[in-house]
């Protein structure tokens, strides 16, 4: 079994646990004995006492391992800020969709949505939107992004 593991401040790592390992054993083997394990797209962590298979964590799954139960995400655009509370395994794509949408977002047009992306506040990093938001969370379980024009390479 292969599992893609997302953790704070690191690139995605490939782990190869046994499907019969418990969620707790898996977290310990990944070097995070006291962390929560979230399957991508889930709002609640997997129960630590069940096997990976019983937790619904299958081959080639994406999981987030970390201390946060929720991440408070702020997105800044045009001197305004929107804040969302999401599970740490939420893909940045879901944050981008919320922030750019009508209603709970900034209401970007279809043309603008095609040109904008998220950038880590205080940095020039425009991470791939498949990354988990928990990767960018600080010790207070918060992450901050700006909605900016995508870097375009022309050659």
Protein backbone atom coordinates (compact mmCIF):
# COMPACT_ATOMS: atom_id res chain seq x y z
CA UNK A 1 0.00 0.00 0.00
CA UNK A 2 1.24 3.50 -0.84
CA UNK A 3 -0.02 6.64 0.91
CA UNK A 4 0.87 10.24 0.11
CA UNK A 5 1.54 12.05 3.39
CA UNK A 6 1.22 15.82 3.76
CA UNK A 7 2.69 17.40 6.90
CA UNK A 8 3.39 20.95 7.98
CA UNK A 9 6.36 22.58 6.30
CA UNK A 10 7.30 19.57 4.15
CA UNK A 11 6.83 18.32 0.64
CA UNK A 12 4.56 15.35 0.10
CA UNK A 13 6.17 12.08 1.19
CA UNK A 14 5.30 8.59 0.01
CA UNK A 15 4.84 6.07 2.84
CA UNK A 16 4.28 2.34 2.40
CA UNK A 17 2.44 1.02 5.47
CA UNK A 18 0.63 -2.28 5.80
CA UNK A 19 -3.17 -1.90 5.37
CA UNK A 20 -3.60 -3.69 8.70
CA UNK A 21 -1.58 -1.05 10.61
CA UNK A 22 -3.69 1.12 12.88
CA UNK A 23 -3.99 4.82 12.19
CA UNK A 24 -1.97 5.48 15.37
CA UNK A 25 0.79 3.08 14.31
CA UNK A 26 0.89 4.76 10.90
CA UNK A 27 1.22 8.23 12.47
CA UNK A 28 3.99 6.95 14.76
CA UNK A 29 5.87 5.33 11.87
CA UNK A 30 5.64 8.63 9.97
CA UNK A 31 7.29 10.38 12.95
CA UNK A 32 4.16 12.04 14.35
CA UNK A 33 3.05 9.96 17.37
CA UNK A 34 0.62 12.53 18.82
CA UNK A 35 -0.81 13.86 15.55
CA UNK A 36 -4.21 13.54 13.94
CA UNK A 37 -4.55 11.75 10.61
CA UNK A 38 -7.03 13.24 8.13
CA UNK A 39 -8.01 11.64 4.85
CA UNK A 40 -8.20 14.29 2.13
CA UNK A 41 -11.75 15.59 1.85
CA UNK A 42 -12.80 14.49 5.33
CA UNK A 43 -13.82 16.92 8.08
CA UNK A 44 -12.89 14.66 11.00
CA UNK A 45 -9.67 12.76 11.72
CA UNK A 46 -9.50 9.01 11.37
CA UNK A 47 -9.97 7.11 14.61
CA UNK A 48 -6.51 6.13 15.91
CA UNK A 49 -7.55 2.63 17.03
CA UNK A 50 -8.79 1.35 13.65
CA UNK A 51 -6.80 -0.08 10.76
CA UNK A 52 -5.96 2.10 7.79
CA UNK A 53 -8.30 0.00 5.65
CA UNK A 54 -11.17 0.34 8.15
CA UNK A 55 -10.56 4.10 8.30
CA UNK A 56 -11.12 4.28 4.54
CA UNK A 57 -7.47 5.03 3.81
CA UNK A 58 -6.73 3.04 0.69
CA UNK A 59 -3.86 2.63 -1.70
CA UNK A 60 -2.57 5.95 -3.16
CA UNK A 61 -4.67 7.99 -0.71
CA UNK A 62 -3.67 11.50 0.32
CA UNK A 63 -3.62 12.11 4.07
CA UNK A 64 -2.58 14.97 6.29
CA UNK A 65 -0.77 14.22 9.55
CA UNK A 66 -0.49 17.05 12.05
CA UNK A 67 -1.57 18.60 15.34
CA UNK A 68 -4.44 20.79 14.06
CA UNK A 69 -8.07 19.72 14.11
CA UNK A 70 -9.05 22.81 12.07
CA UNK A 71 -7.06 25.50 10.28
CA UNK A 72 -8.17 29.12 10.23
CA UNK A 73 -7.36 30.33 6.73
CA UNK A 74 -7.33 34.00 5.79
CA UNK A 75 -7.25 35.11 2.17
CA UNK A 76 -6.45 38.74 1.32
CA UNK A 77 -7.47 40.49 -1.92
CA UNK A 78 -7.86 44.20 -2.74
CA UNK A 79 -7.28 45.23 0.89
CA UNK A 80 -10.06 42.93 2.13
CA UNK A 81 -9.74 39.64 3.99
CA UNK A 82 -12.01 36.58 4.06
CA UNK A 83 -11.56 33.94 6.73
CA UNK A 84 -12.51 30.27 6.56
CA UNK A 85 -12.19 27.39 9.01
CA UNK A 86 -11.31 24.11 7.30
CA UNK A 87 -9.84 20.71 8.11
CA UNK A 88 -6.06 20.53 7.61
CA UNK A 89 -6.44 18.03 4.74
CA UNK A 90 -8.48 20.51 2.67
CA UNK A 91 -6.78 21.04 -0.68
CA UNK A 92 -5.80 24.62 -1.48
CA UNK A 93 -8.02 24.28 -4.55
CA UNK A 94 -11.09 24.24 -2.27
CA UNK A 95 -9.85 27.40 -0.51
CA UNK A 96 -9.25 29.06 -3.88
CA UNK A 97 -12.75 28.18 -5.10
CA UNK A 98 -14.33 29.63 -1.93
CA UNK A 99 -12.20 32.78 -2.00
CA UNK A 100 -12.85 33.51 -5.68
CA UNK A 101 -16.58 32.68 -5.64
CA UNK A 102 -19.62 34.88 -5.32
CA UNK A 103 -21.15 34.96 -1.84
CA UNK A 104 -18.50 33.84 0.63
CA UNK A 105 -15.62 34.95 -1.60
CA UNK A 106 -14.45 38.00 -3.49
CA UNK A 107 -16.69 37.42 -6.52
CA UNK A 108 -14.03 37.10 -9.22
CA UNK A 109 -15.28 36.82 -12.79
CA UNK A 110 -14.61 33.64 -14.80
CA UNK A 111 -11.84 35.48 -16.68
CA UNK A 112 -10.18 36.60 -13.43
CA UNK A 113 -10.45 33.14 -11.86
CA UNK A 114 -8.45 31.78 -14.79
CA UNK A 115 -5.63 34.25 -14.05
CA UNK A 116 -5.45 34.29 -10.23
CA UNK A 117 -4.08 31.87 -7.66
CA UNK A 118 -3.13 31.72 -3.99
CA UNK A 119 0.23 32.95 -2.75
CA UNK A 120 1.57 32.44 0.76
CA UNK A 121 1.47 35.79 2.57
CA UNK A 122 4.92 37.22 3.15
CA UNK A 123 6.50 34.97 0.50
CA UNK A 124 6.63 34.60 -3.26
CA UNK A 125 5.47 30.99 -3.13
CA UNK A 126 2.43 30.15 -5.23
CA UNK A 127 1.90 26.54 -4.14
CA UNK A 128 0.25 23.91 -6.24
CA UNK A 129 -3.46 23.97 -5.39
CA UNK A 130 -3.42 20.21 -4.72
CA UNK A 131 -1.38 20.80 -1.54
CA UNK A 132 -3.13 20.57 1.83
CA UNK A 133 -3.76 23.78 3.74
CA UNK A 134 -2.36 22.18 6.91
CA UNK A 135 1.09 22.16 5.29
CA UNK A 136 1.06 25.96 5.59
CA UNK A 137 -0.46 26.20 9.09
CA UNK A 138 1.53 27.84 11.88
CA UNK A 139 1.66 26.78 15.55
CA UNK A 140 -1.71 28.49 16.11
CA UNK A 141 -3.31 26.39 13.34
CA UNK A 142 -3.68 29.39 11.05
CA UNK A 143 -2.55 30.00 7.46
CA UNK A 144 -2.59 33.20 5.42
CA UNK A 145 -2.67 33.67 1.65
CA UNK A 146 -3.05 36.45 -0.87
CA UNK A 147 -5.14 36.12 -4.01
CA UNK A 148 -2.74 37.24 -6.77
CA UNK A 149 -2.11 37.01 -10.49
CA UNK A 150 -0.41 33.73 -11.37
CA UNK A 151 3.27 33.80 -12.22
CA UNK A 152 3.47 33.14 -15.93
CA UNK A 153 6.58 31.87 -17.62
CA UNK A 154 7.04 33.17 -21.13
CA UNK A 155 9.74 32.04 -23.43
